[in-house]
């Protein structure tokens, strides 16, 4: 039997147990490449377990 999942708005608070919601802010957007590309810097953080390069 299929499970019915309710549709709910994606909010930072509701999603917090699962991770981080990545949102863009037009105020922080910068144009690059001669104004042809939008850059949104530092939107999320990466987490890694174990050993590796930093």
C-alpha atoms as a PDB file:
ATOM      1  CA  UNK A   1       0.000   0.000   0.000  1.00  0.00           C
ATOM      2  CA  UNK A   2       1.482   3.396  -0.960  1.00  0.00           C
ATOM      3  CA  UNK A   3       2.290   5.827   1.799  1.00  0.00           C
ATOM      4  CA  UNK A   4       0.784   9.295   1.453  1.00  0.00           C
ATOM      5  CA  UNK A   5       3.112  12.081   2.510  1.00  0.00           C
ATOM      6  CA  UNK A   6       1.706  15.523   3.291  1.00  0.00           C
ATOM      7  CA  UNK A   7       3.096  18.478   1.367  1.00  0.00           C
ATOM      8  CA  UNK A   8       4.544  21.115   3.678  1.00  0.00           C
ATOM      9  CA  UNK A   9       6.515  24.315   3.085  1.00  0.00           C
ATOM     10  CA  UNK A  10      10.291  23.935   3.311  1.00  0.00           C
ATOM     11  CA  UNK A  11      11.477  26.008   6.252  1.00  0.00           C
ATOM     12  CA  UNK A  12      14.860  26.169   7.943  1.00  0.00           C
ATOM     13  CA  UNK A  13      13.322  25.175  11.281  1.00  0.00           C
ATOM     14  CA  UNK A  14      11.347  22.204   9.956  1.00  0.00           C
ATOM     15  CA  UNK A  15      14.319  20.835   7.985  1.00  0.00           C
ATOM     16  CA  UNK A  16      16.913  21.332  10.761  1.00  0.00           C
ATOM     17  CA  UNK A  17      16.873  17.663  11.942  1.00  0.00           C
ATOM     18  CA  UNK A  18      17.919  16.581   8.423  1.00  0.00           C
ATOM     19  CA  UNK A  19      20.482  19.216   7.507  1.00  0.00           C
ATOM     20  CA  UNK A  20      20.804  22.744   6.212  1.00  0.00           C
ATOM     21  CA  UNK A  21      18.459  24.563   3.830  1.00  0.00           C
ATOM     22  CA  UNK A  22      20.428  26.459   1.206  1.00  0.00           C
ATOM     23  CA  UNK A  23      18.802  29.791   0.361  1.00  0.00           C
ATOM     24  CA  UNK A  24      20.051  32.596  -1.825  1.00  0.00           C
ATOM     25  CA  UNK A  25      19.869  36.222  -0.808  1.00  0.00           C
ATOM     26  CA  UNK A  26      19.663  38.718  -3.667  1.00  0.00           C
ATOM     27  CA  UNK A  27      21.401  41.243  -1.420  1.00  0.00           C
ATOM     28  CA  UNK A  28      24.511  39.030  -1.255  1.00  0.00           C
ATOM     29  CA  UNK A  29      24.575  38.038  -4.945  1.00  0.00           C
ATOM     30  CA  UNK A  30      27.471  39.334  -7.043  1.00  0.00           C
ATOM     31  CA  UNK A  31      27.752  39.474 -10.815  1.00  0.00           C
ATOM     32  CA  UNK A  32      30.903  37.902 -12.275  1.00  0.00           C
ATOM     33  CA  UNK A  33      32.223  37.052 -15.749  1.00  0.00           C
ATOM     34  CA  UNK A  34      31.446  40.452 -17.200  1.00  0.00           C
ATOM     35  CA  UNK A  35      27.955  40.489 -15.689  1.00  0.00           C
ATOM     36  CA  UNK A  36      26.838  37.240 -17.337  1.00  0.00           C
ATOM     37  CA  UNK A  37      26.853  35.051 -14.207  1.00  0.00           C
ATOM     38  CA  UNK A  38      25.466  35.349 -10.694  1.00  0.00           C
ATOM     39  CA  UNK A  39      27.711  34.248  -7.843  1.00  0.00           C
ATOM     40  CA  UNK A  40      26.233  33.162  -4.531  1.00  0.00           C
ATOM     41  CA  UNK A  41      29.187  32.649  -2.182  1.00  0.00           C
ATOM     42  CA  UNK A  42      29.244  30.556   0.984  1.00  0.00           C
ATOM     43  CA  UNK A  43      25.696  29.196   0.843  1.00  0.00           C
ATOM     44  CA  UNK A  44      26.350  25.972   2.716  1.00  0.00           C
ATOM     45  CA  UNK A  45      28.987  24.198   4.700  1.00  0.00           C
ATOM     46  CA  UNK A  46      30.400  20.805   3.889  1.00  0.00           C
ATOM     47  CA  UNK A  47      30.896  18.198   6.581  1.00  0.00           C
ATOM     48  CA  UNK A  48      33.077  15.131   6.224  1.00  0.00           C
ATOM     49  CA  UNK A  49      33.888  12.280   8.552  1.00  0.00           C
ATOM     50  CA  UNK A  50      37.204  10.481   8.750  1.00  0.00           C
ATOM     51  CA  UNK A  51      40.626  11.503   7.602  1.00  0.00           C
ATOM     52  CA  UNK A  52      41.331  13.474   4.476  1.00  0.00           C
ATOM     53  CA  UNK A  53      42.881  16.583   3.078  1.00  0.00           C
ATOM     54  CA  UNK A  54      41.868  20.010   4.322  1.00  0.00           C
END
